[in-house]
Amino acid sequence: MVESSKHIEVHLGRQGRLVIPAALRRLLGFEEGDTLVARPEEGRLILEKQEAIKQRLKARFSQLPKQRSLADELIAERREEGKREVGA
């Protein structure tokens, strides 16, 4: 994605509708039919393509050994936590 210091105004319309101007869509690589994920972050609205999120997560966890299962580790942690709560 190309970063730009140019500010593009976006106006909030009726019923909270937001139109992303064509120049900004082109800059961000957003195309008709793309599914965007919206999330608040420190008072800002972040819009991302689902594919960009998937790529970022794959990159983040690509260094994990193939035999390591984060799901199994989480389940084990939750079970231990449950045992502690029952024993408390």
Protein backbone atom coordinates (compact mmCIF):
# COMPACT_ATOMS: atom_id res chain seq x y z
CA MET A 1 0.00 0.00 0.00
CA VAL A 2 1.26 3.45 -0.85
CA GLU A 3 1.29 5.98 1.97
CA SER A 4 0.33 9.58 1.23
CA SER A 5 0.58 12.70 3.32
CA LYS A 6 -2.35 14.19 1.39
CA HIS A 7 -5.51 14.46 3.47
CA ILE A 8 -8.79 13.48 1.89
CA GLU A 9 -11.99 14.56 3.60
CA VAL A 10 -14.73 12.00 4.06
CA HIS A 11 -18.18 13.08 5.21
CA LEU A 12 -20.55 11.05 7.29
CA GLY A 13 -23.96 10.95 5.69
CA ARG A 14 -27.43 10.01 6.77
CA GLN A 15 -27.73 6.95 8.94
CA GLY A 16 -23.96 6.99 9.47
CA ARG A 17 -23.17 6.12 5.85
CA LEU A 18 -19.63 6.68 4.75
CA VAL A 19 -18.51 7.08 1.15
CA ILE A 20 -14.84 6.47 0.51
CA PRO A 21 -13.75 8.79 -2.32
CA ALA A 22 -12.41 7.11 -5.48
CA ALA A 23 -8.92 8.58 -5.04
CA LEU A 24 -8.66 7.10 -1.54
CA ARG A 25 -10.05 3.74 -2.70
CA ARG A 26 -7.41 3.61 -5.43
CA LEU A 27 -4.67 4.60 -2.97
CA LEU A 28 -5.71 1.84 -0.57
CA GLY A 29 -6.42 -0.77 -3.24
CA PHE A 30 -10.08 -1.08 -2.23
CA GLU A 31 -12.29 -2.43 -5.00
CA GLU A 32 -16.00 -2.94 -5.44
CA GLY A 33 -17.06 -6.12 -3.68
CA ASP A 34 -14.18 -6.11 -1.18
CA THR A 35 -15.13 -7.03 2.37
CA LEU A 36 -13.70 -4.55 4.85
CA VAL A 37 -13.33 -5.10 8.56
CA ALA A 38 -13.94 -2.02 10.72
CA ARG A 39 -12.55 -1.60 14.22
CA PRO A 40 -12.03 1.29 16.60
CA GLU A 41 -8.47 2.02 17.68
CA GLU A 42 -7.55 4.89 19.99
CA GLY A 43 -10.40 7.10 18.80
CA ARG A 44 -9.88 6.24 15.13
CA LEU A 45 -11.80 4.08 12.69
CA ILE A 46 -9.60 1.47 11.02
CA LEU A 47 -10.87 -0.15 7.81
CA GLU A 48 -8.93 -3.11 6.43
CA LYS A 49 -9.47 -5.72 3.78
CA GLN A 50 -9.99 -9.18 5.22
CA GLU A 51 -7.14 -10.44 3.05
CA ALA A 52 -4.72 -7.87 4.54
CA ILE A 53 -5.61 -9.06 8.04
CA LYS A 54 -5.08 -12.70 7.06
CA GLN A 55 -1.68 -11.90 5.54
CA ARG A 56 -0.61 -9.95 8.63
CA LEU A 57 -1.61 -12.84 10.94
CA LYS A 58 0.12 -15.42 8.76
CA ALA A 59 3.30 -13.35 8.84
CA ARG A 60 3.06 -12.92 12.62
CA PHE A 61 2.79 -16.66 13.25
CA SER A 62 4.95 -17.93 10.38
CA GLN A 63 7.96 -18.42 12.69
CA LEU A 64 6.13 -20.90 14.94
CA PRO A 65 7.23 -24.51 14.57
CA LYS A 66 4.68 -26.57 12.61
CA GLN A 67 4.29 -29.05 15.47
CA ARG A 68 3.33 -26.32 17.97
CA SER A 69 -0.41 -25.83 18.44
CA LEU A 70 -1.47 -22.53 19.97
CA ALA A 71 -5.01 -23.88 20.24
CA ASP A 72 -3.81 -26.83 22.34
CA GLU A 73 -1.76 -24.49 24.52
CA LEU A 74 -4.77 -22.24 25.08
CA ILE A 75 -6.99 -25.21 25.97
CA ALA A 76 -4.38 -26.45 28.46
CA GLU A 77 -4.10 -23.00 30.03
CA ARG A 78 -7.88 -22.75 30.38
CA ARG A 79 -8.08 -26.19 31.97
CA GLU A 80 -5.39 -25.25 34.50
CA GLU A 81 -7.22 -22.01 35.25
CA GLY A 82 -10.44 -23.97 35.77
CA LYS A 83 -8.71 -26.34 38.19
CA ARG A 84 -7.35 -23.38 40.16
CA GLU A 85 -10.79 -21.77 40.34
CA VAL A 86 -12.45 -24.97 41.58
CA GLY A 87 -9.68 -25.52 44.15
CA ALA A 88 -9.77 -21.95 45.43
